[in-house]
Protein backbone atom coordinates (compact mmCIF):
# COMPACT_ATOMS: atom_id res chain seq x y z
CA MET A 1 29.51 11.74 -18.70
CA PRO A 2 32.71 14.21 -18.64
CA ARG A 3 33.31 16.34 -21.44
CA PRO A 4 36.28 18.45 -22.49
CA PRO A 5 36.50 21.96 -21.36
CA ARG A 6 35.38 24.35 -24.20
CA ALA A 7 37.77 26.22 -24.12
CA ALA A 8 41.30 24.85 -24.66
CA ALA A 9 44.34 26.49 -25.23
CA ILE A 10 44.74 24.46 -28.16
CA ARG A 11 41.31 24.38 -29.68
CA ARG A 12 40.14 21.54 -31.83
CA ARG A 13 39.64 23.22 -35.36
CA GLU A 14 43.58 24.29 -35.25
CA LEU A 15 44.59 20.98 -34.07
CA LEU A 16 42.47 19.55 -36.96
CA ALA A 17 43.82 21.70 -39.29
CA ALA A 18 47.47 21.10 -38.48
CA ALA A 19 47.34 17.62 -38.62
CA ALA A 20 45.43 17.91 -42.01
CA ALA A 21 48.32 20.16 -43.24
CA GLY A 22 50.82 17.86 -42.20
CA ALA A 23 49.28 14.63 -43.43
CA LEU A 24 48.94 15.91 -47.02
CA ALA A 25 52.81 17.63 -46.77
CA ALA A 26 54.16 13.69 -46.04
CA GLY A 27 52.33 12.57 -49.15
CA GLU A 28 51.48 9.36 -48.17
CA SER A 29 49.83 7.23 -45.68
CA GLY A 30 51.83 6.62 -41.97
CA ARG A 31 54.05 9.51 -42.64
CA ALA A 32 54.44 12.14 -39.42
CA LEU A 33 52.39 15.10 -39.33
CA ALA A 34 54.87 18.61 -39.97
CA ALA A 35 56.63 20.22 -37.45
CA GLY A 36 59.03 22.12 -37.42
CA ARG A 37 62.69 20.34 -36.88
CA ASP A 38 64.28 23.35 -35.31
CA GLY A 39 66.47 22.57 -32.48
CA ASP A 40 66.27 24.65 -29.49
CA SER A 41 63.44 26.67 -30.39
CA ARG A 42 61.21 24.07 -31.07
CA ALA A 43 61.31 22.66 -28.10
CA LYS A 44 61.05 25.90 -25.98
CA ARG A 45 57.76 26.35 -27.78
CA SER A 46 56.48 22.62 -27.05
CA ARG A 47 57.38 23.29 -23.34
CA ALA A 48 55.45 26.84 -23.09
CA SER A 49 52.64 25.24 -24.90
CA THR A 50 52.46 21.80 -23.08
CA ALA A 51 52.49 24.00 -19.61
CA THR A 52 49.31 25.64 -20.79
CA TRP A 53 47.34 22.75 -22.66
CA ASP A 54 48.28 19.92 -19.36
CA GLN A 55 46.17 22.73 -17.12
CA ARG A 56 43.12 22.36 -19.20
CA THR A 57 42.67 19.06 -21.23
CA ASP A 58 42.82 15.76 -19.85
CA PRO A 59 45.14 13.89 -22.77
CA ALA A 60 42.45 11.01 -22.43
CA ASP A 61 39.66 13.21 -24.11
CA LEU A 62 41.73 13.93 -27.07
CA GLY A 63 40.83 12.27 -30.30
CA LEU A 64 43.15 10.77 -32.95
CA VAL A 65 43.92 13.50 -34.77
CA GLU A 66 44.53 15.57 -32.00
CA ALA A 67 46.57 13.40 -30.05
CA ALA A 68 48.91 12.71 -32.81
CA ALA A 69 49.37 16.98 -33.43
CA LEU A 70 50.76 17.13 -30.29
CA LEU A 71 52.77 13.38 -30.24
CA HIS A 72 54.79 15.27 -33.51
CA ALA A 73 54.99 18.22 -32.30
CA ARG A 74 56.49 17.18 -29.05
CA GLN A 75 54.00 18.85 -26.71
CA LEU A 76 52.69 15.75 -25.54
CA SER A 77 54.67 12.57 -25.02
CA ALA A 78 53.01 9.09 -25.88
CA VAL A 79 53.95 7.57 -22.48
CA GLU A 80 51.61 11.05 -20.96
CA LEU A 81 48.64 9.75 -23.08
CA ALA A 82 49.14 5.85 -22.51
CA ARG A 83 49.32 7.01 -18.70
CA ALA A 84 46.31 9.02 -19.35
CA CYS A 85 43.93 6.54 -21.22
CA LEU A 86 45.02 3.70 -18.52
CA GLU A 87 44.13 6.07 -15.43
CA ARG A 88 40.58 6.82 -17.34
CA ILE A 89 40.11 3.17 -17.89
CA GLU A 90 40.58 2.65 -14.01
CA VAL A 91 37.98 4.83 -13.19
CA ARG A 92 35.50 4.57 -16.15
CA ASN A 93 35.53 1.38 -16.72
CA GLY A 94 34.47 -0.81 -14.32
CA GLY A 95 32.37 1.90 -11.78
CA LEU A 96 28.72 1.13 -11.71
CA LEU A 97 26.89 4.18 -13.40
CA SER A 98 22.98 4.29 -13.14
CA PHE A 99 20.12 5.20 -15.72
CA ASP A 100 16.33 4.46 -14.95
CA GLY A 101 17.61 2.99 -11.82
CA ALA A 102 19.31 -0.03 -13.43
CA PRO A 103 23.13 0.29 -12.84
CA LYS A 104 25.57 -1.45 -14.71
CA ALA A 105 29.08 -1.35 -16.03
CA ILE A 106 30.43 -0.05 -18.92
CA ASN A 107 33.27 -3.12 -18.74
CA ALA A 108 34.00 -2.37 -22.09
CA TRP A 109 37.85 -4.44 -21.86
CA VAL A 110 38.29 -8.03 -21.95
CA ARG A 111 42.10 -7.88 -20.90
CA LEU A 112 44.20 -4.92 -20.33
CA TYR A 113 48.11 -4.66 -21.33
CA PRO A 114 49.55 -1.62 -18.90
CA GLU A 115 53.00 -3.47 -19.50
CA VAL A 116 52.74 -3.95 -23.18
CA ALA A 117 51.50 -0.81 -23.22
CA LEU A 118 54.33 1.42 -21.34
CA ARG A 119 56.65 -0.50 -23.10
CA HIS A 120 55.32 0.91 -26.52
CA ALA A 121 55.19 4.24 -25.48
CA HIS A 122 58.62 4.95 -24.36
CA ALA A 123 59.64 3.06 -27.70
CA ALA A 124 57.50 5.38 -29.56
CA ASP A 125 58.51 8.28 -27.86
CA ARG A 126 62.04 7.43 -29.14
CA ARG A 127 61.27 7.08 -32.75
CA LEU A 128 59.56 10.88 -32.16
CA ALA A 129 62.46 12.31 -30.68
CA SER A 130 64.80 10.62 -33.50
CA GLY A 131 64.50 12.79 -35.96
CA ARG A 132 63.53 11.22 -38.58
CA ARG A 133 60.10 11.16 -39.91
CA ALA A 134 57.62 9.12 -37.76
CA PRO A 135 54.26 7.66 -39.10
CA LEU A 136 51.20 9.63 -38.04
CA LEU A 137 50.05 6.75 -35.74
CA CYS A 138 52.91 6.94 -33.97
CA GLY A 139 52.28 7.22 -30.17
CA ILE A 140 48.14 6.37 -30.10
CA PRO A 141 46.59 4.24 -28.13
CA LEU A 142 44.71 1.45 -29.57
CA GLY A 143 42.14 -0.78 -28.28
CA LEU A 144 41.27 -4.32 -30.29
CA LYS A 145 38.51 -6.02 -30.61
CA ASP A 146 38.94 -9.62 -29.36
CA LEU A 147 38.94 -10.92 -32.05
CA TYR A 148 42.50 -9.74 -33.61
CA ALA A 149 45.38 -12.08 -32.77
CA VAL A 150 48.49 -10.14 -31.14
CA ARG A 151 51.93 -12.42 -30.83
CA GLY A 152 52.29 -14.10 -27.62
CA LEU A 153 49.05 -12.68 -25.74
CA PRO A 154 45.59 -13.99 -24.86
CA LEU A 155 43.24 -14.36 -27.80
CA THR A 156 39.43 -15.54 -26.36
CA ALA A 157 36.63 -13.69 -28.84
CA SER A 158 35.18 -12.94 -25.15
CA SER A 159 34.50 -16.31 -24.61
CA ARG A 160 35.37 -18.85 -21.76
CA VAL A 161 35.55 -21.49 -24.64
CA LEU A 162 38.97 -20.05 -25.46
CA GLU A 163 40.10 -19.12 -21.65
CA GLY A 164 43.40 -20.13 -21.80
CA ASN A 165 44.19 -19.38 -25.72
CA VAL A 166 47.34 -17.52 -26.56
CA ALA A 167 48.41 -16.20 -30.09
CA SER A 168 51.14 -18.00 -32.03
CA GLU A 169 51.30 -14.71 -34.37
CA SER A 170 49.78 -11.52 -34.65
CA SER A 171 47.14 -10.64 -37.32
CA ALA A 172 48.05 -8.73 -40.23
CA VAL A 173 46.27 -5.59 -39.05
CA TRP A 174 47.87 -5.49 -35.91
CA ALA A 175 51.28 -6.26 -37.82
CA ARG A 176 50.36 -2.99 -39.58
CA LEU A 177 49.80 -0.50 -36.88
CA ARG A 178 52.08 -1.84 -34.51
CA ALA A 179 55.48 -1.21 -37.44
CA ALA A 180 53.57 2.50 -37.63
CA GLY A 181 54.15 3.20 -33.92
CA MET A 182 50.63 2.64 -32.25
CA VAL A 183 50.39 1.49 -28.78
CA LEU A 184 48.67 -1.29 -27.66
CA LEU A 185 46.44 -1.03 -24.51
CA GLY A 186 44.57 -4.04 -24.55
CA HIS A 187 41.87 -6.19 -26.23
CA THR A 188 38.08 -5.02 -26.01
CA HIS A 189 34.86 -6.83 -25.29
CA THR A 190 32.50 -8.46 -28.48
CA HIS A 191 29.69 -10.47 -28.39
CA GLU A 192 31.12 -14.16 -27.95
CA PHE A 193 33.17 -15.03 -30.93
CA GLY A 194 31.54 -11.86 -32.66
CA ALA A 195 28.61 -13.85 -33.58
CA GLY A 196 25.85 -11.28 -32.40
CA PRO A 197 24.72 -8.01 -32.28
CA THR A 198 24.57 -6.89 -28.45
CA THR A 199 27.82 -7.58 -26.61
CA ASP A 200 25.45 -8.22 -23.91
CA GLN A 201 28.23 -7.80 -21.20
CA VAL A 202 29.15 -4.25 -21.80
CA GLY A 203 27.32 -1.02 -21.07
CA ASN A 204 26.31 1.76 -23.26
CA PRO A 205 28.09 4.56 -21.88
CA TRP A 206 24.89 6.95 -22.28
CA ARG A 207 22.99 4.44 -20.66
CA PRO A 208 24.64 1.54 -19.51
CA ALA A 209 21.25 -0.40 -18.73
CA ARG A 210 20.83 -0.37 -22.89
CA SER A 211 22.96 -2.12 -25.85
CA ALA A 212 26.20 -0.92 -26.76
CA GLY A 213 25.96 -2.52 -30.09
CA GLY A 214 27.23 -5.58 -30.98
CA SER A 215 29.69 -7.96 -31.52
CA SER A 216 31.71 -4.28 -31.32
CA GLY A 217 30.59 -2.87 -28.54
CA GLY A 218 33.29 -3.45 -26.01
CA SER A 219 35.18 -0.71 -28.72
CA ALA A 220 32.41 1.56 -29.37
CA ALA A 221 31.82 1.54 -25.00
CA ALA A 222 35.55 2.27 -24.94
CA LEU A 223 35.47 5.41 -27.29
CA ALA A 224 32.18 7.09 -26.43
CA THR A 225 34.12 6.95 -22.24
CA ARG A 226 37.28 8.28 -23.66
CA MET A 227 39.02 5.49 -22.58
CA VAL A 228 41.06 5.50 -26.24
CA PRO A 229 41.39 7.61 -28.94
CA ALA A 230 41.67 4.32 -31.55
CA ALA A 231 39.72 1.40 -32.17
CA THR A 232 38.88 -1.72 -34.55
CA GLY A 233 35.95 -3.48 -35.01
CA THR A 234 34.98 -6.24 -37.56
CA ASP A 235 31.83 -5.60 -39.31
CA THR A 236 30.11 -8.96 -40.69
CA GLY A 237 26.17 -8.03 -40.84
CA GLY A 238 26.69 -4.82 -39.20
CA SER A 239 29.28 -5.15 -36.30
CA LEU A 240 30.65 -1.76 -37.04
CA ARG A 241 27.69 0.05 -37.49
CA PHE A 242 25.65 -0.64 -35.01
CA PRO A 243 28.13 0.25 -32.25
CA ALA A 244 29.37 3.57 -33.44
CA SER A 245 25.50 4.58 -34.28
CA PHE A 246 24.51 2.91 -30.33
CA CYS A 247 26.84 5.41 -28.97
CA GLY A 248 27.36 8.28 -31.11
CA LEU A 249 31.05 7.31 -32.77
CA SER A 250 32.16 7.36 -36.49
CA THR A 251 33.31 3.95 -38.26
CA ILE A 252 34.05 3.53 -41.63
CA LYS A 253 33.00 -0.19 -43.48
CA PRO A 254 35.93 -0.47 -45.57
CA THR A 255 35.57 -2.29 -49.29
CA TYR A 256 35.65 -6.17 -48.66
CA GLY A 257 39.32 -7.46 -49.14
CA LEU A 258 40.22 -3.36 -48.62
CA VAL A 259 41.37 -4.33 -44.98
CA PRO A 260 42.86 -7.99 -44.87
CA PRO A 261 41.85 -10.38 -42.80
CA ALA A 262 44.69 -12.73 -41.60
CA GLY A 263 44.89 -13.77 -38.48
CA LEU A 264 41.36 -12.86 -37.00
CA ILE A 265 38.87 -15.19 -35.64
CA PRO A 266 36.51 -14.89 -38.65
CA VAL A 267 32.47 -14.98 -38.19
CA ALA A 268 31.64 -15.70 -42.35
CA SER A 269 35.42 -14.93 -44.41
CA SER A 270 32.66 -14.24 -46.77
CA ILE A 271 31.05 -11.06 -45.75
CA ASP A 272 33.83 -10.47 -42.82
CA HIS A 273 35.20 -6.81 -42.47
CA ALA A 274 37.69 -5.45 -40.45
CA GLY A 275 37.66 -1.59 -39.54
CA PRO A 276 38.58 1.14 -37.76
CA MET A 277 36.42 3.12 -35.07
CA ALA A 278 36.68 6.57 -33.33
CA ARG A 279 35.21 9.51 -32.43
CA THR A 280 35.15 11.06 -35.48
CA VAL A 281 35.60 10.30 -39.52
CA ALA A 282 38.70 12.24 -39.49
CA ASP A 283 40.08 9.83 -36.77
CA CYS A 284 38.65 6.60 -38.91
CA ALA A 285 40.46 8.14 -42.17
CA ALA A 286 43.68 8.12 -40.14
CA LEU A 287 43.37 4.41 -38.81
CA LEU A 288 42.36 3.12 -41.93
CA GLN A 289 45.06 4.35 -43.86
CA THR A 290 47.22 2.33 -41.74
CA MET A 291 44.80 -0.51 -41.36
CA GLY A 292 44.27 -0.97 -45.19
CA ALA A 293 47.65 -0.41 -46.31
CA GLY A 294 48.86 0.01 -49.48
CA ALA A 295 50.44 2.47 -52.77
CA TRP A 296 46.67 1.54 -53.87
CA LEU A 297 44.81 2.95 -51.05
CA PRO A 298 43.55 6.34 -52.14
CA ARG A 299 44.39 9.18 -49.72
CA LEU A 300 41.72 10.62 -47.10
CA ALA A 301 41.03 12.96 -45.58
CA THR A 302 42.11 13.71 -41.99
CA GLY A 303 41.13 17.68 -41.73
CA PRO A 304 37.69 19.73 -42.16
CA ARG A 305 37.40 21.58 -45.61
CA THR A 306 38.00 25.18 -45.78
CA GLY A 307 36.60 27.70 -47.76
CA LEU A 308 33.06 29.83 -48.46
CA ARG A 309 31.28 26.59 -49.36
CA PRO A 310 33.17 23.76 -48.21
CA LEU A 311 30.76 21.28 -49.07
CA ALA A 312 30.65 21.85 -52.34
CA GLY A 313 30.11 19.07 -54.95
CA LEU A 314 29.11 16.29 -52.48
CA THR A 315 25.95 14.45 -52.85
CA VAL A 316 23.88 13.65 -49.44
CA ALA A 317 20.78 11.32 -49.97
CA VAL A 318 17.39 11.69 -47.92
CA THR A 319 14.38 9.72 -48.30
CA ASP A 320 10.90 10.72 -47.47
CA ARG A 321 9.86 6.73 -46.95
CA LEU A 322 9.31 5.72 -43.64
CA PRO A 323 9.94 1.70 -42.36
CA ASP A 324 7.27 0.44 -42.50
CA ALA A 325 7.30 -0.36 -38.72
CA ALA A 326 6.71 2.82 -36.44
CA MET A 327 9.75 3.79 -34.80
CA GLN A 328 9.73 2.91 -30.73
CA ALA A 329 9.94 6.20 -28.90
CA ASP A 330 12.62 5.53 -26.87
CA ALA A 331 14.73 4.89 -29.88
CA ALA A 332 13.16 8.48 -31.98
CA ASP A 333 14.12 10.34 -29.00
CA GLY A 334 17.67 8.97 -28.94
């Protein structure tokens, strides 16, 4: 699977640091990354940076925080980013990949909404260019697990039982993300009704014949193949954590009740958790800020720690006890 170039005009750590500085300066969830609003000189710098950057990296390869830094600095437009992701989906979602002689498509998406995505992206660009502070997530493309309702769009839980079902109201999570200016690309596959650990219709991006994990396997596969920089999932008994680990991603399983479940198709309402999925913990933290919006939500770090001892004060748990059952060789080999 293609990787972003190692030598990029705008380096990853620089983007993360800029994004973190801006988020902290804003002082609350969903505020814009700091970008100097200095008129013509800023626009000239932005155009010059864009020309160099565009030659080095496909916008679809950017993570959430990286893309946000460029969007808020006006070095990348939301329309450019959305189109890059839609083009990446066209190339990678249905293409047959083969490992160990077993071809299988990634098939991460139940439905795509390109017209909706471009309409959202144009609105995000207008918001970013208005001169007013835009939320951190403004212009970022998103994949919603097919348990999250979006008013006026199909909601099927990856099941033919709900074929033709259209949501009459949006889920609380999508309402928050849309208010923050996110761009909806489509609904991602889930194990039918979210009730299983494998998402069998989705291929693992690293070994397509194997499971992407479930039940948020479509979101995980879309992220790992760099079709989208952010996605949502749900976790009732591991459905955020399994696909994230199977596909080499990050997730955060929030405290129960932190993210409102209203408008989600339930599996077991007393233990369902809606949560973020992305390629880094920083990206997940930025997404969770809005999913669990409210003044009581503690601010989460979205950039790298600095200093000579960046991990000072953290505790890491390590066990010397192995499971009773021996680990299979292919699992141990990764």
